Amino acid sequence: MFACICRAVTSDEVHAAIDNGADTLARVAKATGACTSCGTCKDRIRGMLGERGACPLATLRTAAAV
């Protein structure tokens, strides 16, 4: 299943990024490209981060600091 349709990023790719240390939305975006177009997938990916005990409320504004 796609987590981000715009960038064709699958849920498996997002989970793999989280497993490899992407613990914020900004880090998932940097690792996968998800959340870098229309933003519709942000809530879905925040939920995936929350399921894994990561920080689901982190914003993309921190991407420059990643």
Protein backbone atom coordinates (compact mmCIF):
# COMPACT_ATOMS: atom_id res chain seq x y z
CA MET A 1 0.00 0.00 0.00
CA PHE A 2 1.22 3.51 -0.74
CA ALA A 3 1.80 5.84 2.20
CA CYS A 4 2.57 8.73 -0.18
CA ILE A 5 0.92 8.56 -3.58
CA CYS A 6 2.65 11.64 -5.02
CA ARG A 7 6.11 10.16 -4.50
CA ALA A 8 5.05 6.49 -4.79
CA VAL A 9 6.41 5.72 -1.32
CA THR A 10 5.05 2.53 0.17
CA SER A 11 4.17 1.86 3.78
CA ASP A 12 6.97 -0.71 3.86
CA GLU A 13 9.46 1.97 2.79
CA VAL A 14 8.26 4.31 5.53
CA HIS A 15 8.46 1.54 8.14
CA ALA A 16 11.98 0.67 6.95
CA ALA A 17 13.02 4.32 7.27
CA ILE A 18 11.61 4.43 10.80
CA ASP A 19 13.40 1.18 11.66
CA ASN A 20 16.62 2.76 10.37
CA GLY A 21 16.33 5.76 12.68
CA ALA A 22 13.96 8.20 10.96
CA ASP A 23 12.09 9.16 14.12
CA THR A 24 10.42 12.39 12.96
CA LEU A 25 8.29 13.40 10.02
CA ALA A 26 11.19 15.46 8.67
CA ARG A 27 13.56 12.49 8.80
CA VAL A 28 11.05 10.20 7.10
CA ALA A 29 10.63 12.85 4.40
CA LYS A 30 14.39 13.11 3.94
CA ALA A 31 14.82 9.32 3.81
CA THR A 32 11.90 8.51 1.53
CA GLY A 33 10.67 11.66 -0.21
CA ALA A 34 7.24 11.23 1.35
CA CYS A 35 5.50 14.44 2.51
CA THR A 36 7.46 16.57 0.05
CA SER A 37 4.68 17.26 -2.44
CA CYS A 38 1.05 17.89 -1.57
CA GLY A 39 1.26 16.90 2.12
CA THR A 40 -1.87 14.74 2.16
CA CYS A 41 0.13 11.84 3.59
CA LYS A 42 1.45 13.72 6.64
CA ASP A 43 -1.26 12.47 9.01
CA ARG A 44 -0.85 8.90 7.76
CA ILE A 45 2.91 9.00 8.29
CA ARG A 46 2.53 10.69 11.69
CA GLY A 47 0.33 7.75 12.64
CA MET A 48 2.97 5.30 11.45
CA LEU A 49 5.58 7.13 13.54
CA GLY A 50 3.29 6.99 16.57
CA GLU A 51 2.78 3.25 16.13
CA ARG A 52 6.54 2.81 16.33
CA GLY A 53 6.95 5.05 19.39
CA ALA A 54 8.63 7.85 17.44
CA CYS A 55 7.75 11.55 17.55
CA PRO A 56 4.61 11.92 15.41
CA LEU A 57 4.16 15.63 16.05
CA ALA A 58 7.53 16.74 14.66
CA THR A 59 7.14 19.05 11.70
CA LEU A 60 8.90 19.39 8.40
CA ARG A 61 10.30 22.75 9.51
CA THR A 62 13.02 20.79 11.29
CA ALA A 63 14.17 19.21 8.01
CA ALA A 64 17.03 21.69 7.69
CA ALA A 65 18.34 20.56 11.06
CA VAL A 66 18.25 16.88 10.15
